[in-house]
Amino acid sequence: QVQLVESGGGLVQAGGSLRLSCAASGGTFSRYATGWFRQAPGKEREFVAAISWSGASTEYADSVKGRFTISRDNADEKTVHLQMNSLKPEESAVYHCAADQSGTVKAGKAEYAYWGQGTQVTVSS
């Protein structure tokens, strides 16, 4: 059983940056694929980015390509980061990380069995 805890959210001005982290405990997290999703009030949870267990494969939502980067921590195999640059007000949401035991990159939220509680990101205009 994998437990996930997100951190790094907060309030930032439009155009600013934040770095989110997803820390895992339990299970063999280094063999899991990890995804980031976000959910704004009244909206569906949507895919943001995902990374394979090895870090060799990544996938991004079209809306964040070129601005967001997902990565595995080189020093800590139980941590995955999401670097978010040039943030927009419409990207304000609760950001969740999720883990999938298959290890391969996936964009569908139904594919992930383990979820964190989320961290709030608020982008002011």
C-alpha atoms as a PDB file:
ATOM      1  CA  GLN A   1       0.000   0.000   0.000  1.00  0.00           C
ATOM      2  CA  VAL A   2       1.415   3.347  -1.088  1.00  0.00           C
ATOM      3  CA  GLN A   3       0.630   6.595   0.719  1.00  0.00           C
ATOM      4  CA  LEU A   4       1.194   9.858  -1.137  1.00  0.00           C
ATOM      5  CA  VAL A   5       1.614  13.342   0.294  1.00  0.00           C
ATOM      6  CA  GLU A   6       1.789  16.450  -1.866  1.00  0.00           C
ATOM      7  CA  SER A   7       3.490  19.686  -0.902  1.00  0.00           C
ATOM      8  CA  GLY A   8       4.632  22.938  -2.467  1.00  0.00           C
ATOM      9  CA  GLY A   9       1.321  24.544  -3.299  1.00  0.00           C
ATOM     10  CA  GLY A  10       0.509  28.136  -2.470  1.00  0.00           C
ATOM     11  CA  LEU A  11      -0.405  31.532  -3.821  1.00  0.00           C
ATOM     12  CA  VAL A  12       1.500  32.897  -6.798  1.00  0.00           C
ATOM     13  CA  GLN A  13       0.971  35.714  -9.267  1.00  0.00           C
ATOM     14  CA  ALA A  14       0.207  35.016 -12.899  1.00  0.00           C
ATOM     15  CA  GLY A  15       3.408  34.264 -14.743  1.00  0.00           C
ATOM     16  CA  GLY A  16       5.052  32.923 -11.618  1.00  0.00           C
ATOM     17  CA  SER A  17       6.360  29.475 -10.751  1.00  0.00           C
ATOM     18  CA  LEU A  18       5.790  26.768  -8.190  1.00  0.00           C
ATOM     19  CA  ARG A  19       7.411  23.411  -7.602  1.00  0.00           C
ATOM     20  CA  LEU A  20       5.159  20.678  -6.285  1.00  0.00           C
ATOM     21  CA  SER A  21       6.465  17.532  -4.654  1.00  0.00           C
ATOM     22  CA  CYS A  22       4.876  14.136  -4.164  1.00  0.00           C
ATOM     23  CA  ALA A  23       6.404  12.045  -1.389  1.00  0.00           C
ATOM     24  CA  ALA A  24       5.571   8.375  -1.078  1.00  0.00           C
ATOM     25  CA  SER A  25       5.720   5.904   1.762  1.00  0.00           C
ATOM     26  CA  GLY A  26       5.038   2.200   1.725  1.00  0.00           C
ATOM     27  CA  GLY A  27       5.205  -0.024  -1.319  1.00  0.00           C
ATOM     28  CA  THR A  28       7.966   0.037  -3.901  1.00  0.00           C
ATOM     29  CA  PHE A  29       7.303   3.525  -5.199  1.00  0.00           C
ATOM     30  CA  SER A  30      10.408   3.572  -7.360  1.00  0.00           C
ATOM     31  CA  ARG A  31       8.710   0.986  -9.599  1.00  0.00           C
ATOM     32  CA  TYR A  32       5.440   2.928  -9.904  1.00  0.00           C
ATOM     33  CA  ALA A  33       4.419   5.417 -12.559  1.00  0.00           C
ATOM     34  CA  THR A  34       3.337   8.762 -11.128  1.00  0.00           C
ATOM     35  CA  GLY A  35       0.824  11.221 -12.433  1.00  0.00           C
ATOM     36  CA  TRP A  36      -0.278  14.714 -11.521  1.00  0.00           C
ATOM     37  CA  PHE A  37      -3.896  15.762 -11.855  1.00  0.00           C
ATOM     38  CA  ARG A  38      -5.741  18.922 -10.909  1.00  0.00           C
ATOM     39  CA  GLN A  39      -9.288  19.735  -9.963  1.00  0.00           C
ATOM     40  CA  ALA A  40     -10.853  23.165  -9.814  1.00  0.00           C
ATOM     41  CA  PRO A  41     -14.168  23.771  -8.011  1.00  0.00           C
ATOM     42  CA  GLY A  42     -17.086  22.455 -10.023  1.00  0.00           C
ATOM     43  CA  LYS A  43     -14.854  20.838 -12.626  1.00  0.00           C
ATOM     44  CA  GLU A  44     -13.697  17.342 -13.398  1.00  0.00           C
ATOM     45  CA  ARG A  45     -10.279  16.176 -12.247  1.00  0.00           C
ATOM     46  CA  GLU A  46      -7.988  16.535 -15.230  1.00  0.00           C
ATOM     47  CA  PHE A  47      -4.667  15.091 -16.248  1.00  0.00           C
ATOM     48  CA  VAL A  48      -1.601  17.322 -16.054  1.00  0.00           C
ATOM     49  CA  ALA A  49       1.519  15.170 -16.425  1.00  0.00           C
ATOM     50  CA  ALA A  50       2.853  11.665 -15.838  1.00  0.00           C
ATOM     51  CA  ILE A  51       6.212   9.943 -15.608  1.00  0.00           C
ATOM     52  CA  SER A  52       7.167   6.296 -15.905  1.00  0.00           C
ATOM     53  CA  TRP A  53       8.856   4.381 -13.117  1.00  0.00           C
ATOM     54  CA  SER A  54      12.268   4.825 -14.739  1.00  0.00           C
ATOM     55  CA  GLY A  55      11.768   8.466 -15.639  1.00  0.00           C
ATOM     56  CA  ALA A  56      12.489   7.671 -19.265  1.00  0.00           C
ATOM     57  CA  SER A  57       8.951   8.435 -20.443  1.00  0.00           C
ATOM     58  CA  THR A  58       6.816  11.454 -19.705  1.00  0.00           C
ATOM     59  CA  GLU A  59       3.488  12.744 -20.952  1.00  0.00           C
ATOM     60  CA  TYR A  60       1.858  16.143 -20.602  1.00  0.00           C
ATOM     61  CA  ALA A  61      -1.522  17.676 -21.195  1.00  0.00           C
ATOM     62  CA  ASP A  62      -1.385  19.955 -24.232  1.00  0.00           C
ATOM     63  CA  SER A  63      -2.244  22.950 -22.087  1.00  0.00           C
ATOM     64  CA  VAL A  64       0.928  22.634 -19.992  1.00  0.00           C
ATOM     65  CA  LYS A  65       3.492  21.480 -22.558  1.00  0.00           C
ATOM     66  CA  GLY A  66       6.562  23.680 -22.548  1.00  0.00           C
ATOM     67  CA  ARG A  67       5.708  25.189 -19.165  1.00  0.00           C
ATOM     68  CA  PHE A  68       5.482  22.240 -16.743  1.00  0.00           C
ATOM     69  CA  THR A  69       8.115  19.583 -16.109  1.00  0.00           C
ATOM     70  CA  ILE A  70       7.613  16.336 -14.212  1.00  0.00           C
ATOM     71  CA  SER A  71      10.682  14.592 -12.825  1.00  0.00           C
ATOM     72  CA  ARG A  72      11.805  11.944 -10.384  1.00  0.00           C
ATOM     73  CA  ASP A  73      14.106  13.105  -7.625  1.00  0.00           C
ATOM     74  CA  ASN A  74      17.638  11.911  -8.290  1.00  0.00           C
ATOM     75  CA  ALA A  75      18.500  11.713  -4.617  1.00  0.00           C
ATOM     76  CA  ASP A  76      15.212  10.361  -3.273  1.00  0.00           C
ATOM     77  CA  GLU A  77      13.501   7.627  -5.272  1.00  0.00           C
ATOM     78  CA  LYS A  78      10.281   8.145  -3.311  1.00  0.00           C
ATOM     79  CA  THR A  79       9.738  11.713  -4.502  1.00  0.00           C
ATOM     80  CA  VAL A  80       8.403  13.104  -7.751  1.00  0.00           C
ATOM     81  CA  HIS A  81       8.322  16.805  -8.602  1.00  0.00           C
ATOM     82  CA  LEU A  82       6.193  18.975 -10.842  1.00  0.00           C
ATOM     83  CA  GLN A  83       7.856  22.235 -11.839  1.00  0.00           C
ATOM     84  CA  MET A  84       5.234  24.715 -13.006  1.00  0.00           C
ATOM     85  CA  ASN A  85       6.277  27.878 -14.820  1.00  0.00           C
ATOM     86  CA  SER A  86       4.311  30.726 -16.403  1.00  0.00           C
ATOM     87  CA  LEU A  87       1.256  29.881 -14.332  1.00  0.00           C
ATOM     88  CA  LYS A  88      -2.145  31.214 -15.355  1.00  0.00           C
ATOM     89  CA  PRO A  89      -5.111  32.129 -13.154  1.00  0.00           C
ATOM     90  CA  GLU A  90      -7.238  29.416 -14.759  1.00  0.00           C
ATOM     91  CA  GLU A  91      -4.763  26.846 -13.452  1.00  0.00           C
ATOM     92  CA  SER A  92      -5.811  27.470  -9.887  1.00  0.00           C
ATOM     93  CA  ALA A  93      -6.881  24.112  -8.506  1.00  0.00           C
ATOM     94  CA  VAL A  94      -6.093  21.366  -6.043  1.00  0.00           C
ATOM     95  CA  TYR A  95      -3.227  19.378  -7.485  1.00  0.00           C
ATOM     96  CA  HIS A  96      -3.111  15.663  -6.719  1.00  0.00           C
ATOM     97  CA  CYS A  97      -0.411  13.131  -7.366  1.00  0.00           C
ATOM     98  CA  ALA A  98      -1.283   9.533  -8.106  1.00  0.00           C
ATOM     99  CA  ALA A  99       0.632   6.267  -8.455  1.00  0.00           C
ATOM    100  CA  ASP A 100       0.147   3.271 -10.702  1.00  0.00           C
ATOM    101  CA  GLN A 101       1.830  -0.047 -10.047  1.00  0.00           C
ATOM    102  CA  SER A 102       2.200  -0.919 -13.725  1.00  0.00           C
ATOM    103  CA  GLY A 103       4.988   1.630 -14.024  1.00  0.00           C
ATOM    104  CA  THR A 104       4.002   2.912 -17.444  1.00  0.00           C
ATOM    105  CA  VAL A 105       2.854   6.416 -18.326  1.00  0.00           C
ATOM    106  CA  LYS A 106      -0.915   6.906 -18.283  1.00  0.00           C
ATOM    107  CA  ALA A 107      -3.205   9.899 -18.638  1.00  0.00           C
ATOM    108  CA  GLY A 108      -6.457   8.398 -17.412  1.00  0.00           C
ATOM    109  CA  LYS A 109      -7.319   8.980 -13.792  1.00  0.00           C
ATOM    110  CA  ALA A 110      -9.064   5.618 -13.588  1.00  0.00           C
ATOM    111  CA  GLU A 111      -5.710   3.958 -14.204  1.00  0.00           C
ATOM    112  CA  TYR A 112      -4.267   5.108 -10.900  1.00  0.00           C
ATOM    113  CA  ALA A 113      -4.973   3.204  -7.715  1.00  0.00           C
ATOM    114  CA  TYR A 114      -3.239   5.440  -5.194  1.00  0.00           C
ATOM    115  CA  TRP A 115      -3.944   9.133  -4.610  1.00  0.00           C
ATOM    116  CA  GLY A 116      -2.764  11.900  -2.360  1.00  0.00           C
ATOM    117  CA  GLN A 117      -5.028  14.436  -0.669  1.00  0.00           C
ATOM    118  CA  GLY A 118      -3.783  17.262  -2.840  1.00  0.00           C
ATOM    119  CA  THR A 119      -2.174  20.651  -2.464  1.00  0.00           C
ATOM    120  CA  GLN A 120      -3.885  23.941  -3.301  1.00  0.00           C
ATOM    121  CA  VAL A 121      -2.425  26.117  -6.030  1.00  0.00           C
ATOM    122  CA  THR A 122      -3.875  29.596  -6.412  1.00  0.00           C
ATOM    123  CA  VAL A 123      -2.739  31.865  -9.238  1.00  0.00           C
ATOM    124  CA  SER A 124      -3.754  35.511  -8.900  1.00  0.00           C
ATOM    125  CA  SER A 125      -4.254  37.777 -11.880  1.00  0.00           C
END
